[in-house]
Protein backbone atom coordinates (compact mmCIF):
# COMPACT_ATOMS: atom_id res chain seq x y z
CA MET A 1 45.89 69.20 90.15
CA ASN A 2 44.12 66.85 87.72
CA ALA A 3 41.01 68.40 86.18
CA TYR A 4 39.25 65.11 85.47
CA ARG A 5 36.22 64.01 87.47
CA ILE A 6 35.57 60.30 87.94
CA ALA A 7 32.40 58.56 89.15
CA ILE A 8 32.72 55.26 91.05
CA VAL A 9 29.47 53.29 91.00
CA ASP A 10 29.62 50.37 93.46
CA ASP A 11 27.29 49.33 96.26
CA ASP A 12 30.27 48.04 98.29
CA SER A 13 31.25 51.11 100.30
CA ASN A 14 34.66 49.66 101.25
CA ILE A 15 35.71 49.13 97.63
CA ARG A 16 34.28 52.50 96.65
CA GLN A 17 36.21 54.33 99.38
CA ILE A 18 39.49 52.57 98.53
CA VAL A 19 39.13 53.36 94.83
CA GLU A 20 38.26 56.98 95.58
CA ALA A 21 41.27 57.35 97.89
CA TYR A 22 43.72 56.07 95.26
CA LEU A 23 42.21 58.21 92.50
CA GLN A 24 42.23 61.30 94.69
CA LYS A 25 45.88 60.64 95.51
CA GLU A 26 46.51 60.68 91.76
CA GLY A 27 44.88 64.12 91.63
CA TYR A 28 41.43 63.21 90.32
CA THR A 29 38.15 64.54 91.68
CA THR A 30 35.78 61.68 92.52
CA VAL A 31 32.12 61.10 93.29
CA GLY A 32 30.87 57.85 94.82
CA LEU A 33 27.47 56.34 94.03
CA ASP A 34 25.61 53.26 95.30
CA THR A 35 23.27 52.55 92.38
CA ALA A 36 22.93 52.87 88.63
CA GLU A 37 19.82 54.96 89.17
CA GLU A 38 21.91 57.55 91.03
CA ALA A 39 24.49 57.34 88.25
CA LEU A 40 21.82 58.07 85.63
CA ARG A 41 20.83 61.22 87.46
CA LEU A 42 24.47 62.29 87.65
CA TRP A 43 24.94 61.63 83.93
CA GLN A 44 21.92 63.76 83.08
CA GLU A 45 22.82 66.64 85.41
CA ASN A 46 26.63 66.79 85.63
CA PRO A 47 28.34 63.90 83.80
CA PRO A 48 31.86 62.88 84.87
CA ASP A 49 34.81 62.35 82.53
CA LEU A 50 35.07 58.62 83.28
CA TRP A 51 32.99 55.91 84.96
CA VAL A 52 34.25 53.07 87.16
CA LEU A 53 31.18 50.84 87.06
CA ASP A 54 30.37 47.69 89.02
CA ILE A 55 28.26 45.16 87.11
CA MET A 56 26.29 43.67 89.99
CA LEU A 57 24.28 46.55 91.41
CA PRO A 58 20.92 46.63 93.20
CA GLY A 59 18.14 47.56 90.82
CA MET A 60 19.53 48.43 87.38
CA ASN A 61 22.77 46.54 86.75
CA GLY A 62 25.95 47.90 85.23
CA TYR A 63 25.30 46.33 81.84
CA GLU A 64 22.00 48.18 81.43
CA PHE A 65 23.50 51.47 82.60
CA CYS A 66 26.38 51.10 80.14
CA ARG A 67 23.97 50.31 77.29
CA ARG A 68 21.83 53.38 78.04
CA ILE A 69 24.55 55.99 78.20
CA ARG A 70 26.69 54.52 75.41
CA MET A 71 24.02 55.47 72.89
CA GLU A 72 24.80 59.13 73.58
CA THR A 73 28.33 59.41 74.94
CA GLU A 74 31.75 57.84 74.45
CA ALA A 75 33.12 58.88 77.86
CA PRO A 76 35.35 56.04 79.09
CA ILE A 77 33.76 53.27 81.14
CA ILE A 78 35.79 50.75 83.16
CA MET A 79 33.67 47.86 84.38
CA ILE A 80 34.53 45.94 87.55
CA SER A 81 33.04 42.67 88.71
CA ALA A 82 33.56 39.77 91.10
CA ARG A 83 32.68 37.47 88.19
CA ASP A 84 35.60 36.26 86.08
CA GLU A 85 33.69 34.55 83.29
CA GLU A 86 34.84 35.32 79.75
CA VAL A 87 31.24 35.86 78.65
CA ASP A 88 30.87 38.66 81.21
CA LYS A 89 33.96 40.42 79.88
CA ILE A 90 32.81 40.04 76.28
CA LEU A 91 29.32 41.30 77.08
CA GLY A 92 30.72 44.32 78.90
CA LEU A 93 32.98 45.18 75.96
CA GLU A 94 30.21 44.59 73.42
CA LEU A 95 27.99 47.03 75.30
CA GLY A 96 30.67 49.68 74.98
CA SER A 97 32.86 49.53 78.06
CA ASP A 98 36.51 50.45 77.48
CA ASP A 99 38.02 48.06 79.97
CA TYR A 100 37.16 45.30 82.44
CA LEU A 101 38.70 44.42 85.81
CA THR A 102 37.92 41.41 87.98
CA LYS A 103 37.65 41.76 91.75
CA PRO A 104 39.79 41.64 93.77
CA PHE A 105 42.06 43.98 91.81
CA SER A 106 45.01 46.18 92.63
CA PRO A 107 43.92 49.80 93.11
CA ARG A 108 47.19 50.84 91.45
CA GLU A 109 46.28 48.79 88.38
CA LEU A 110 42.88 50.51 88.25
CA VAL A 111 44.58 53.91 88.44
CA ALA A 112 46.88 52.91 85.57
CA ARG A 113 43.91 51.85 83.45
CA VAL A 114 42.05 55.06 84.27
CA ASN A 115 45.09 57.06 83.15
CA ARG A 116 45.32 55.10 79.91
CA ALA A 117 41.58 55.36 79.15
CA LEU A 118 41.64 59.13 79.64
CA ARG A 119 44.74 59.51 77.44
CA ARG A 120 43.01 57.56 74.69
CA TRP A 121 39.85 59.68 75.10
CA GLU A 122 41.86 62.89 74.82
CA GLN A 123 43.69 61.63 71.73
CA MET A 124 40.37 60.82 70.06
CA LYS A 125 38.98 64.28 70.83
CA GLN A 126 42.17 65.88 69.46
CA ARG A 127 41.86 63.91 66.23
CA LEU A 128 38.29 65.12 65.83
CA SER A 129 39.30 68.70 66.60
CA GLY A 130 42.07 68.47 64.01
CA ALA A 131 39.62 67.20 61.43
CA ALA A 132 37.30 70.11 62.20
CA GLY A 133 40.16 72.57 61.75
CA GLU A 134 41.05 71.12 58.37
CA ALA A 135 37.46 71.63 57.25
CA ALA A 136 36.96 75.18 58.53
CA GLU A 137 35.93 76.32 55.05
CA GLY A 138 33.07 74.50 53.41
CA HIS A 139 32.53 72.48 56.55
CA LEU A 140 29.22 71.00 55.38
CA GLN A 141 30.33 68.00 53.34
CA PRO A 142 27.94 65.74 51.42
CA THR A 143 29.75 62.43 51.16
CA ALA A 144 30.67 60.82 47.86
CA SER A 145 29.64 57.42 49.13
CA ALA A 146 26.17 58.42 50.31
CA PRO A 147 24.88 61.87 49.21
CA ALA A 148 22.10 61.65 51.81
CA LEU A 149 24.82 61.63 54.47
CA VAL A 150 26.19 65.08 55.31
CA LEU A 151 28.95 65.75 57.84
CA ASP A 152 29.35 69.14 59.49
CA MET A 153 33.02 68.97 60.37
CA GLU A 154 33.07 72.21 62.34
CA LYS A 155 30.17 71.34 64.64
CA ARG A 156 30.68 67.56 64.46
CA GLN A 157 27.11 67.00 63.38
CA ILE A 158 25.64 64.31 61.17
CA PHE A 159 22.68 64.83 58.83
CA TRP A 160 20.96 61.86 57.23
CA LYS A 161 18.32 62.46 54.53
CA GLY A 162 18.07 66.10 55.57
CA LYS A 163 17.61 65.48 59.30
CA GLU A 164 20.18 65.84 62.06
CA VAL A 165 21.01 62.60 63.85
CA GLU A 166 22.56 62.61 67.31
CA VAL A 167 25.79 60.60 67.28
CA THR A 168 28.59 59.96 69.75
CA ALA A 169 32.20 60.94 69.17
CA LYS A 170 33.21 57.44 68.06
CA GLU A 171 30.20 57.14 65.76
CA PHE A 172 31.15 60.46 64.14
CA GLN A 173 34.79 59.43 63.79
CA LEU A 174 33.94 56.07 62.24
CA LEU A 175 31.47 57.62 59.79
CA ARG A 176 33.99 60.25 58.76
CA LEU A 177 36.69 57.61 58.22
CA LEU A 178 34.44 55.42 56.07
CA ALA A 179 32.97 58.39 54.16
CA ASP A 180 36.47 59.66 53.35
CA HIS A 181 37.33 56.25 51.80
CA PRO A 182 34.23 55.08 49.89
CA ASN A 183 34.26 51.41 48.86
CA ARG A 184 37.40 50.65 50.84
CA ALA A 185 37.02 47.70 53.17
CA PHE A 186 38.49 48.28 56.62
CA SER A 187 39.29 45.32 58.83
CA ARG A 188 38.08 45.30 62.41
CA ASP A 189 41.68 45.62 63.62
CA GLU A 190 42.20 48.70 61.44
CA LEU A 191 39.04 50.30 62.78
CA LEU A 192 40.08 49.54 66.36
CA THR A 193 43.41 51.28 65.82
CA LEU A 194 42.02 54.26 63.89
CA VAL A 195 39.00 54.92 66.11
CA TRP A 196 39.86 53.53 69.55
CA GLY A 197 43.64 54.06 69.39
CA ASP A 198 46.63 51.76 69.01
CA ASP A 199 46.80 51.04 72.75
CA TYR A 200 43.28 49.60 72.93
CA TYR A 201 43.44 45.92 73.78
CA GLY A 202 39.77 44.98 74.25
CA SER A 203 37.63 42.80 72.01
CA ASP A 204 37.07 43.76 68.37
CA ARG A 205 33.39 43.08 69.05
CA VAL A 206 33.09 46.74 70.05
CA VAL A 207 33.42 47.55 66.34
CA ASP A 208 30.38 45.41 65.54
CA ASP A 209 28.42 47.13 68.29
CA LEU A 210 29.33 50.59 66.96
CA ILE A 211 28.28 49.56 63.44
CA ARG A 212 24.93 48.28 64.75
CA ARG A 213 24.29 51.58 66.51
CA ILE A 214 25.09 53.58 63.37
CA ARG A 215 22.83 51.41 61.22
CA LYS A 216 20.01 51.84 63.71
CA LYS A 217 20.37 55.62 63.78
CA LEU A 218 20.91 56.03 60.01
CA ASP A 219 18.37 53.62 58.59
CA GLY A 220 19.27 52.60 55.04
CA ILE A 221 22.89 53.80 55.07
CA PRO A 222 24.94 51.66 52.62
CA LEU A 223 27.27 50.44 55.37
CA GLU A 224 28.15 46.92 54.33
CA THR A 225 29.64 43.97 56.15
CA VAL A 226 32.65 42.37 54.47
CA TRP A 227 32.21 38.90 55.90
CA GLY A 228 35.14 37.56 57.86
CA PHE A 229 36.99 40.87 57.52
CA GLY A 230 35.28 44.13 58.44
CA TYR A 231 33.15 46.92 56.93
CA ARG A 232 32.93 49.47 54.13
CA LEU A 233 30.68 52.34 53.10
CA ARG A 234 29.57 51.54 49.57
CA GLY A 235 30.19 54.25 47.00
CA GLN A 236 27.27 55.52 44.95
CA GLU A 237 28.89 54.62 41.65
CA GLU A 238 29.17 50.95 42.65
CA ARG A 239 25.58 50.57 43.75
CA ARG A 240 22.97 49.30 41.38
C-alpha cells in the first residue's frame, strides 16, 4: 500500500472523482476539495504529500494558492487547467508548480506524472539527509562566501545576520550548493539538474523565482545574477 496522501483540488466533481479513483487504484490515499480556501485549511492542519491543483477555482484561484504555500513548502504541485495558453503554463511554473496538464488529459498520464514528481521529491529529501549526515560534527557552518549566512546542516536551518530565517527544502538546497562553491557561476540548467533533478522538464524560470524568494527572505545576501547565464554567491574576498 502506498503511504503517500494526495489532495485533488477541483470544483468539477466528475474530474475530481475520476482522478481520485485512478490514484487510489495506484495505492495512494486521496482527499478531494472544491476550493482553494478548503485546501488552505488542509495545508495548515494536515498537509498532503502532493497537490493536484486546478487553476480556475471559485474564490481564490490555483495561482494564488500555489504562490501562498510555495513560500513555505516544496511539496510537489501539479496544476491542471482547461486553458492551453503558453502564458498560463509559464505562470504556473514560475509560481512554483512542478508540472502542468491541460484538460482533457489521460488519467493514466496524470498518475505517471504524480509518480515522477514524488520520486523527484524523495530524491531531493535524500540528498538533503545525506548532506546532514556528512555534517554531523560541527554542523553549524558559517559560509566562506557570506559570513552572515550560517547553515545548520543537521537541522536544515538557515541563519542570516544572527536570525533564523524560514526556508523551504529547495531554498535550503540551493543556498547550500552556492555557499559550498563561492564565486562559481552556475547556469540555470545546472541549477535545475542539481536542485530539481535531472528528470525535471519544466521551465528554467522556476530558478529565477527561487532566487527572488531567497533574496526577499535574506535581504542583502550577495547572490548575484550572471546575465544571460545564471547565478553565483559572491565570495567575501572578491567583494569591495
